[in-house]
Amino acid sequence: MPAYEYMALDPSGRERSGVMEGDAARQIRAMLREQGLLPISVSEVVDTQPTRLGLLSMARRVNATDLSLLTRQLATLVRSGIPLEEALMAVSQQSEKARVRSVLAGVRARVVEGRTLAEGLAAFPGVFPEIYRATVSAGEQSGHLDAVLERLADYTENRQILQQSIRNAMVYPVLLTVVCVGIVALLLGYVVPEVVRVFEAGDRQLPILTQILIAMSDFIRGWWWAIIAATVIVVVAFRRWLRQPDARRRFDHFKLRTPLVGRITRGNNAARFSRTFAILTASAVPVLEALRISGQVVTNLPMREAVTDAAVRVREGAPIARSLATSKLFPPMLIHLVSSGETSGALEEMLERAADNQERELDGVVNTAVGILGPLMILLMGGFVFVIVLALLLPIFELNQLVR
């Protein structure tokens, strides 16, 4: 039976919401009336794509943390020998988020109808990515669903940890940049005009640096709205430009050529690719299918196209390592480990080792970049403040010279 989300009013007028299973929406309404509830809306649980209203869509999303947690709980219950539909119900009841409960209820409803777990997950592609569905499908076909779910739980947790570490590392430099820009804008917009007003009362010629500072202050005070509008327009235009495939490809090529950004981008995408390829290979997914799915998790467009081209060469009989090395976009360590895995027959193990190596290297590069960027921003901020103070002190120095 399909699952339905409902919203109803109890006798006291309070809203109640939840998920119920039934043959049709009419049956759900009848069941609600039997419970003394007045149904407001009843709709079948389906996948919802994120809308442009980001804040509103957050409540309807299942984020990486939720996916990692429910995968670990489901893997534990399935390994304990609990039937799949009961495990799905238990995980659904355990979750505190309505969206997670409704999605799991929808998956369970399809499993009860006789479909496979992979088919139930396929009804929610916005929640369960393709690697997730393909791995579960391979686990069901091989009869090792519990082991596959354990690997998926490890994969989602490792991926979440990697993304969280990068996100946390970027908080400090971003916050420092915002504070620096805010302080300089405050000095130029409010502090400088009050101090310069004293110098403008005289007829003396002000130093060039002071005149430049006054001009910048006047511009910010008079055109602050234009600066904000221009910034918003540039950001929106840049985001729209990136939606074009050719523009996105050029920008991603530029990121790969940039010294520090290119190393981080290459390491992050190589780690995602090798980790995904490893779990798919370990789950007995065919190599060509595993390459195709692994390429989808690569966010850099040239590297994704390199994986697609490599899959074509592998289909023609070329080794995986040599096919990936043709683009010269993947780290040499990854290529050598994949080649060693192909030769020794331990491709899964070598891919796991390559993923661990890339994640450690990426973590070191990000920490080093943050460690350099923090003091650099402080020095830059100090330089701006020094120039502003110097521009304010130069007229005072000249006045002292005239008095002497």
Protein backbone atom coordinates (compact mmCIF):
# COMPACT_ATOMS: atom_id res chain seq x y z
CA MET A 1 0.00 0.00 0.00
CA PRO A 2 1.26 3.49 -0.72
CA ALA A 3 2.01 5.95 2.08
CA TYR A 4 0.21 9.25 2.42
CA GLU A 5 1.16 12.41 4.25
CA TYR A 6 -1.75 14.07 6.00
CA MET A 7 -2.56 17.25 7.88
CA ALA A 8 -5.66 17.32 10.06
CA LEU A 9 -7.32 19.17 12.95
CA ASP A 10 -8.15 17.54 16.27
CA PRO A 11 -11.30 18.42 18.27
CA SER A 12 -9.42 21.24 20.05
CA GLY A 13 -8.43 22.84 16.72
CA ARG A 14 -4.74 21.90 16.81
CA GLU A 15 -2.98 20.76 13.66
CA ARG A 16 -1.83 17.15 13.47
CA SER A 17 0.40 15.78 10.73
CA GLY A 18 1.91 12.41 9.98
CA VAL A 19 2.09 9.48 7.58
CA MET A 20 -0.42 6.67 7.10
CA GLU A 21 -0.64 3.75 4.69
CA GLY A 22 -3.74 3.04 2.65
CA ASP A 23 -5.08 2.07 -0.73
CA ALA A 24 -6.21 5.58 -1.65
CA ALA A 25 -6.43 9.11 -0.28
CA ARG A 26 -10.16 8.60 0.34
CA GLN A 27 -9.40 5.69 2.68
CA ILE A 28 -6.89 7.83 4.62
CA ARG A 29 -9.51 10.56 5.08
CA ALA A 30 -12.00 7.99 6.35
CA MET A 31 -9.44 6.59 8.79
CA LEU A 32 -8.71 10.09 10.08
CA ARG A 33 -12.41 10.81 10.62
CA GLU A 34 -12.73 7.54 12.57
CA GLN A 35 -9.98 8.85 14.86
CA GLY A 36 -11.91 12.08 15.44
CA LEU A 37 -9.65 14.18 13.18
CA LEU A 38 -10.77 16.57 10.46
CA PRO A 39 -8.53 16.02 7.38
CA ILE A 40 -7.20 19.17 5.72
CA SER A 41 -4.86 17.69 3.13
CA VAL A 42 -3.87 14.16 2.14
CA SER A 43 -1.19 13.50 -0.47
CA GLU A 44 0.90 10.52 -1.49
CA VAL A 45 4.49 10.57 -0.35
CA VAL A 46 6.62 11.45 -3.37
CA ASP A 47 10.04 12.91 -3.98
CA THR A 48 10.22 16.70 -3.83
CA GLN A 49 12.88 18.65 -5.67
CA PRO A 50 14.41 21.68 -3.91
CA THR A 51 12.77 24.96 -4.85
CA ARG A 52 14.45 28.26 -5.45
CA LEU A 53 13.26 29.42 -2.03
CA GLY A 54 16.18 27.92 -0.17
CA LEU A 55 14.89 28.61 3.34
CA LEU A 56 11.54 26.99 2.60
CA SER A 57 13.09 23.94 0.96
CA MET A 58 15.38 23.27 3.94
CA ALA A 59 12.44 21.87 5.87
CA ARG A 60 11.74 19.37 3.05
CA ARG A 61 15.29 18.18 2.55
CA VAL A 62 17.06 15.10 3.89
CA ASN A 63 20.62 16.28 4.41
CA ALA A 64 23.82 14.25 4.51
CA THR A 65 23.68 13.88 8.29
CA ASP A 66 20.16 12.43 8.19
CA LEU A 67 21.09 10.08 5.33
CA SER A 68 24.19 8.87 7.17
CA LEU A 69 22.25 8.25 10.38
CA LEU A 70 19.34 6.37 8.80
CA THR A 71 21.76 4.24 6.73
CA ARG A 72 23.69 3.22 9.85
CA GLN A 73 20.47 2.40 11.73
CA LEU A 74 19.06 0.41 8.81
CA ALA A 75 22.33 -1.50 8.38
CA THR A 76 22.38 -2.41 12.07
CA LEU A 77 18.79 -3.67 12.05
CA VAL A 78 19.17 -5.67 8.81
CA ARG A 79 22.39 -7.28 10.08
CA SER A 80 20.48 -8.27 13.24
CA GLY A 81 18.09 -10.35 11.11
CA ILE A 82 15.04 -8.08 11.37
CA PRO A 83 12.82 -8.20 8.24
CA LEU A 84 13.38 -5.29 5.91
CA GLU A 85 9.90 -3.76 6.23
CA GLU A 86 10.12 -3.88 10.04
CA ALA A 87 13.59 -2.32 9.93
CA LEU A 88 12.31 0.51 7.74
CA MET A 89 9.41 1.10 10.14
CA ALA A 90 11.73 1.12 13.15
CA VAL A 91 14.11 3.64 11.55
CA SER A 92 11.15 5.79 10.54
CA GLN A 93 9.80 5.83 14.10
CA GLN A 94 13.27 6.56 15.47
CA SER A 95 13.73 9.73 13.38
CA GLU A 96 12.63 13.08 14.77
CA LYS A 97 12.28 14.73 11.35
CA ALA A 98 8.94 14.55 9.56
CA ARG A 99 10.54 14.46 6.11
CA VAL A 100 12.70 11.45 7.00
CA ARG A 101 9.69 9.62 8.45
CA SER A 102 7.58 10.30 5.35
CA VAL A 103 10.34 9.21 2.94
CA LEU A 104 10.99 5.97 4.84
CA ALA A 105 7.25 5.33 5.00
CA GLY A 106 7.08 5.75 1.23
CA VAL A 107 9.99 3.34 0.73
CA ARG A 108 8.45 0.81 3.13
CA ALA A 109 5.10 1.01 1.34
CA ARG A 110 6.75 0.04 -1.92
CA VAL A 111 8.68 -2.80 -0.26
CA VAL A 112 5.45 -4.16 1.24
CA GLU A 113 3.92 -4.10 -2.26
CA GLY A 114 6.60 -6.59 -3.34
CA ARG A 115 9.17 -4.27 -4.89
CA THR A 116 12.86 -4.39 -4.05
CA LEU A 117 14.48 -1.92 -1.70
CA ALA A 118 16.37 -0.36 -4.61
CA GLU A 119 13.08 0.22 -6.45
CA GLY A 120 11.62 1.79 -3.33
CA LEU A 121 14.62 4.10 -3.01
CA ALA A 122 14.35 4.99 -6.72
CA ALA A 123 11.05 6.73 -5.98
CA PHE A 124 13.04 9.36 -4.08
CA PRO A 125 16.07 10.24 -6.28
CA GLY A 126 16.42 13.61 -4.58
CA VAL A 127 17.07 11.86 -1.26
CA PHE A 128 18.96 8.73 -2.28
CA PRO A 129 21.67 9.40 -4.93
CA GLU A 130 22.38 7.01 -7.75
CA ILE A 131 25.39 5.45 -6.03
CA TYR A 132 23.15 4.62 -3.09
CA ARG A 133 20.51 2.94 -5.24
CA ALA A 134 23.00 1.05 -7.42
CA THR A 135 24.88 -0.26 -4.39
CA VAL A 136 21.69 -1.43 -2.69
CA SER A 137 20.55 -3.10 -5.92
CA ALA A 138 23.86 -4.98 -6.19
CA GLY A 139 23.60 -6.02 -2.55
CA GLU A 140 20.10 -7.39 -3.02
CA GLN A 141 21.12 -9.34 -6.13
CA SER A 142 24.15 -10.84 -4.39
CA GLY A 143 22.28 -11.63 -1.15
CA HIS A 144 24.61 -9.49 0.99
CA LEU A 145 22.39 -6.50 1.67
CA ASP A 146 23.55 -6.19 5.28
CA ALA A 147 27.23 -5.92 4.30
CA VAL A 148 26.44 -3.48 1.50
CA LEU A 149 24.44 -1.27 3.87
CA GLU A 150 27.37 -1.28 6.29
CA ARG A 151 29.67 -0.08 3.49
CA LEU A 152 27.14 2.58 2.51
CA ALA A 153 26.95 3.76 6.11
CA ASP A 154 30.75 4.05 6.26
CA TYR A 155 30.75 5.84 2.90
CA THR A 156 28.10 8.40 3.85
CA GLU A 157 29.76 9.05 7.22
CA ASN A 158 33.23 9.51 5.69
CA ARG A 159 31.87 11.81 3.01
CA GLN A 160 30.00 13.85 5.60
CA ILE A 161 33.13 14.14 7.77
CA LEU A 162 35.20 15.30 4.79
CA GLN A 163 32.66 17.93 3.75
CA GLN A 164 32.23 19.10 7.34
CA SER A 165 35.98 19.47 7.85
CA ILE A 166 36.32 21.59 4.70
CA ARG A 167 33.30 23.68 5.68
CA ASN A 168 34.61 24.24 9.21
CA ALA A 169 38.04 25.16 7.91
CA MET A 170 36.56 27.87 5.69
CA VAL A 171 34.52 29.51 8.47
CA TYR A 172 37.48 31.40 9.98
CA PRO A 173 38.85 33.03 6.80
CA VAL A 174 35.36 33.92 5.55
CA LEU A 175 34.42 35.47 8.89
CA LEU A 176 37.74 37.32 9.03
CA THR A 177 37.21 38.69 5.52
CA VAL A 178 33.72 39.95 6.39
CA VAL A 179 35.00 41.63 9.56
CA CYS A 180 37.89 43.28 7.69
CA VAL A 181 35.63 44.65 4.96
CA GLY A 182 33.15 45.86 7.56
CA ILE A 183 35.79 47.68 9.61
CA VAL A 184 37.32 49.40 6.57
CA ALA A 185 33.85 50.44 5.36
CA LEU A 186 33.04 51.81 8.82
CA LEU A 187 36.26 53.81 8.93
CA LEU A 188 35.77 55.26 5.45
CA GLY A 189 32.06 55.90 5.84
CA TYR A 190 31.82 57.40 9.31
CA VAL A 191 35.17 57.93 11.05
CA VAL A 192 37.13 59.59 8.24
CA PRO A 193 34.50 62.27 7.38
CA GLU A 194 34.32 63.42 11.01
CA VAL A 195 38.11 63.79 11.29
CA VAL A 196 38.65 65.30 7.84
CA ARG A 197 36.05 67.99 8.51
CA VAL A 198 38.64 69.72 10.71
CA PHE A 199 41.18 69.90 7.87
CA GLU A 200 38.68 71.11 5.29
CA ALA A 201 38.02 74.25 7.35
CA GLY A 202 41.42 75.66 6.38
CA ASP A 203 42.59 76.83 2.98
CA ARG A 204 45.73 74.73 2.91
CA GLN A 205 46.39 72.16 0.23
CA LEU A 206 45.92 68.67 1.71
CA PRO A 207 48.37 65.86 0.93
CA ILE A 208 47.57 63.61 -2.04
CA LEU A 209 46.99 60.56 0.17
CA THR A 210 44.51 62.49 2.30
CA GLN A 211 42.69 63.75 -0.80
CA ILE A 212 42.40 60.19 -2.13
CA LEU A 213 41.06 59.02 1.23
CA ILE A 214 38.48 61.84 1.26
CA ALA A 215 37.39 60.97 -2.29
CA MET A 216 36.97 57.30 -1.36
CA SER A 217 35.00 58.25 1.74
CA ASP A 218 32.72 60.58 -0.23
CA PHE A 219 32.15 57.91 -2.85
CA ILE A 220 31.20 55.27 -0.27
CA ARG A 221 28.87 57.64 1.59
CA GLY A 222 27.18 58.87 -1.57
CA TRP A 223 27.05 55.65 -3.60
CA TRP A 224 26.86 52.87 -1.01
CA TRP A 225 23.57 51.68 -2.49
CA ALA A 226 25.11 51.51 -5.96
CA ILE A 227 28.03 49.47 -4.61
CA ILE A 228 25.66 46.95 -3.01
CA ALA A 229 23.47 46.81 -6.14
CA ALA A 230 26.49 46.33 -8.40
CA THR A 231 27.80 43.53 -6.16
CA VAL A 232 24.46 41.72 -6.25
CA ILE A 233 24.22 42.12 -10.04
CA VAL A 234 27.73 40.78 -10.55
CA VAL A 235 27.08 37.76 -8.32
CA VAL A 236 23.76 36.95 -10.02
CA ALA A 237 25.24 37.42 -13.50
CA PHE A 238 28.20 35.21 -12.61
CA ARG A 239 25.93 32.43 -11.30
CA ARG A 240 23.83 32.56 -14.47
CA TRP A 241 26.97 32.51 -16.60
CA LEU A 242 28.12 29.36 -14.80
CA ARG A 243 24.88 27.60 -15.78
CA GLN A 244 26.14 27.46 -19.37
CA PRO A 245 28.17 24.26 -19.96
CA ASP A 246 30.97 25.99 -21.88
CA ALA A 247 31.29 28.72 -19.25
CA ARG A 248 31.28 26.16 -16.44
CA ARG A 249 33.96 24.14 -18.24
CA ARG A 250 36.21 27.20 -18.68
CA PHE A 251 35.78 28.20 -15.06
CA ASP A 252 36.55 24.68 -13.82
CA HIS A 253 39.66 24.60 -16.05
CA PHE A 254 40.71 27.91 -14.52
CA LYS A 255 40.28 26.49 -11.00
CA LEU A 256 42.46 23.50 -11.86
CA ARG A 257 45.22 25.80 -13.16
CA THR A 258 45.15 28.04 -10.08
CA PRO A 259 47.98 26.85 -7.76
CA LEU A 260 46.30 26.37 -4.37
CA VAL A 261 42.66 26.20 -5.50
CA GLY A 262 43.57 23.69 -8.20
CA ARG A 263 45.25 21.38 -5.71
CA ILE A 264 42.25 21.47 -3.37
CA THR A 265 39.79 20.96 -6.23
CA ARG A 266 41.78 18.08 -7.70
CA GLY A 267 42.25 16.40 -4.31
CA ASN A 268 38.60 16.75 -3.28
CA ASN A 269 37.25 15.34 -6.54
CA ALA A 270 39.84 12.55 -6.66
CA ALA A 271 38.91 11.52 -3.11
CA ARG A 272 35.19 11.50 -3.95
CA PHE A 273 35.78 9.50 -7.15
CA SER A 274 38.05 6.88 -5.61
CA ARG A 275 35.83 6.41 -2.52
CA THR A 276 32.71 6.00 -4.65
CA PHE A 277 34.46 3.69 -7.12
CA ALA A 278 35.75 1.59 -4.21
CA ILE A 279 32.35 1.01 -2.63
CA LEU A 280 30.73 0.22 -5.98
CA THR A 281 33.49 -2.25 -6.86
CA ALA A 282 33.22 -3.90 -3.44
CA SER A 283 29.46 -4.24 -3.94
CA ALA A 284 29.96 -6.19 -7.21
CA VAL A 285 28.65 -3.39 -9.43
CA PRO A 286 29.99 -3.85 -13.02
CA VAL A 287 33.08 -1.76 -13.71
CA LEU A 288 31.58 0.31 -16.51
CA GLU A 289 28.50 1.09 -14.44
CA ALA A 290 30.71 1.89 -11.44
CA LEU A 291 32.79 4.28 -13.53
CA ARG A 292 29.69 6.02 -14.83
CA ILE A 293 28.21 6.49 -11.36
CA SER A 294 31.55 7.52 -9.86
CA GLY A 295 31.91 10.18 -12.52
CA GLN A 296 28.59 11.72 -11.44
CA VAL A 297 29.93 12.55 -7.96
CA VAL A 298 32.83 14.53 -9.47
CA THR A 299 31.84 18.20 -9.36
CA ASN A 300 34.64 19.51 -11.58
CA LEU A 301 33.41 19.31 -15.18
CA PRO A 302 36.75 18.55 -16.93
CA MET A 303 37.49 15.78 -14.42
CA ARG A 304 33.98 14.37 -14.86
CA GLU A 305 34.44 14.33 -18.63
CA ALA A 306 37.81 12.62 -18.11
CA VAL A 307 36.06 9.81 -16.21
CA THR A 308 33.48 9.50 -19.02
CA ASP A 309 36.26 9.26 -21.61
CA ALA A 310 38.04 6.70 -19.45
CA ALA A 311 34.89 4.56 -19.34
CA VAL A 312 34.81 4.55 -23.14
CA ARG A 313 38.44 3.36 -23.28
CA VAL A 314 37.77 0.68 -20.65
CA ARG A 315 34.83 -0.56 -22.72
CA GLU A 316 37.26 -0.92 -25.63
CA GLY A 317 39.61 -3.04 -23.50
CA ALA A 318 42.09 -0.51 -22.06
CA PRO A 319 43.18 -0.70 -18.40
CA ILE A 320 41.44 1.62 -15.95
CA ALA A 321 44.62 3.30 -14.72
CA ARG A 322 45.90 4.05 -18.22
CA SER A 323 42.48 5.37 -19.25
CA LEU A 324 42.35 7.74 -16.26
CA ALA A 325 45.96 8.85 -16.76
CA THR A 326 45.27 10.03 -20.34
CA SER A 327 43.62 13.26 -19.14
CA LYS A 328 46.50 14.09 -16.73
CA LEU A 329 43.92 15.58 -14.35
CA PHE A 330 44.01 12.93 -11.63
CA PRO A 331 46.84 12.77 -9.05
CA PRO A 332 49.67 10.37 -9.98
CA MET A 333 49.33 8.56 -6.65
CA LEU A 334 45.74 7.62 -7.50
CA ILE A 335 46.79 6.35 -10.94
CA HIS A 336 49.62 4.23 -9.52
CA LEU A 337 47.40 2.70 -6.82
CA VAL A 338 44.67 1.86 -9.35
CA SER A 339 47.27 0.27 -11.65
CA SER A 340 48.63 -1.76 -8.74
CA GLY A 341 45.12 -2.88 -7.83
CA GLU A 342 44.38 -4.00 -11.38
CA THR A 343 47.64 -5.97 -11.53
CA SER A 344 47.26 -7.64 -8.13
CA GLY A 345 43.50 -8.18 -8.28
CA ALA A 346 42.96 -6.01 -5.20
CA LEU A 347 41.35 -3.02 -6.91
CA GLU A 348 38.90 -2.37 -4.07
CA GLU A 349 41.67 -2.23 -1.46
CA MET A 350 43.85 0.04 -3.59
CA LEU A 351 40.94 2.38 -4.26
CA GLU A 352 40.24 2.62 -0.53
CA ARG A 353 43.90 3.36 0.08
CA ALA A 354 43.88 6.01 -2.65
CA ALA A 355 40.79 7.64 -1.12
CA ASP A 356 42.39 7.69 2.34
CA ASN A 357 45.58 9.16 0.87
CA GLN A 358 43.73 11.89 -1.02
CA GLU A 359 41.60 12.80 2.01
CA ARG A 360 44.66 13.08 4.27
CA GLU A 361 46.48 15.19 1.71
CA LEU A 362 43.42 17.38 1.17
CA ASP A 363 43.02 17.89 4.91
CA GLY A 364 46.66 18.95 5.17
CA VAL A 365 46.39 21.35 2.23
CA VAL A 366 43.21 22.95 3.57
CA ASN A 367 44.68 23.39 7.05
CA THR A 368 47.83 24.91 5.58
CA ALA A 369 45.83 27.27 3.38
CA VAL A 370 43.69 28.39 6.32
CA GLY A 371 46.78 28.83 8.46
CA ILE A 372 48.32 31.10 5.82
CA LEU A 373 45.13 32.95 4.89
CA GLY A 374 44.32 33.99 8.47
CA PRO A 375 47.56 35.93 9.14
CA LEU A 376 47.49 37.25 5.56
CA MET A 377 44.04 38.76 6.10
CA ILE A 378 45.19 40.28 9.39
CA LEU A 379 48.23 41.84 7.68
CA LEU A 380 46.03 43.14 4.87
CA MET A 381 43.62 44.61 7.38
CA GLY A 382 46.50 46.20 9.25
CA GLY A 383 47.79 47.67 5.99
CA PHE A 384 44.44 49.31 5.21
CA VAL A 385 44.17 50.76 8.70
CA PHE A 386 47.76 52.01 8.53
CA VAL A 387 47.09 53.82 5.25
CA ILE A 388 43.93 55.41 6.68
CA VAL A 389 45.73 56.55 9.84
CA LEU A 390 48.67 57.84 7.81
CA ALA A 391 46.35 59.84 5.55
CA LEU A 392 44.78 61.43 8.63
CA LEU A 393 48.12 62.21 10.30
CA LEU A 394 49.88 63.75 7.30
CA PRO A 395 47.99 67.10 7.54
CA ILE A 396 48.81 67.22 11.26
CA PHE A 397 52.49 66.70 10.53
CA GLU A 398 52.46 69.47 7.94
CA LEU A 399 50.70 71.77 10.40
CA ASN A 400 53.41 71.10 12.98
CA GLN A 401 56.06 71.94 10.41
CA LEU A 402 54.38 75.30 9.67
CA VAL A 403 54.13 76.14 13.39
CA ARG A 404 57.85 75.52 13.84
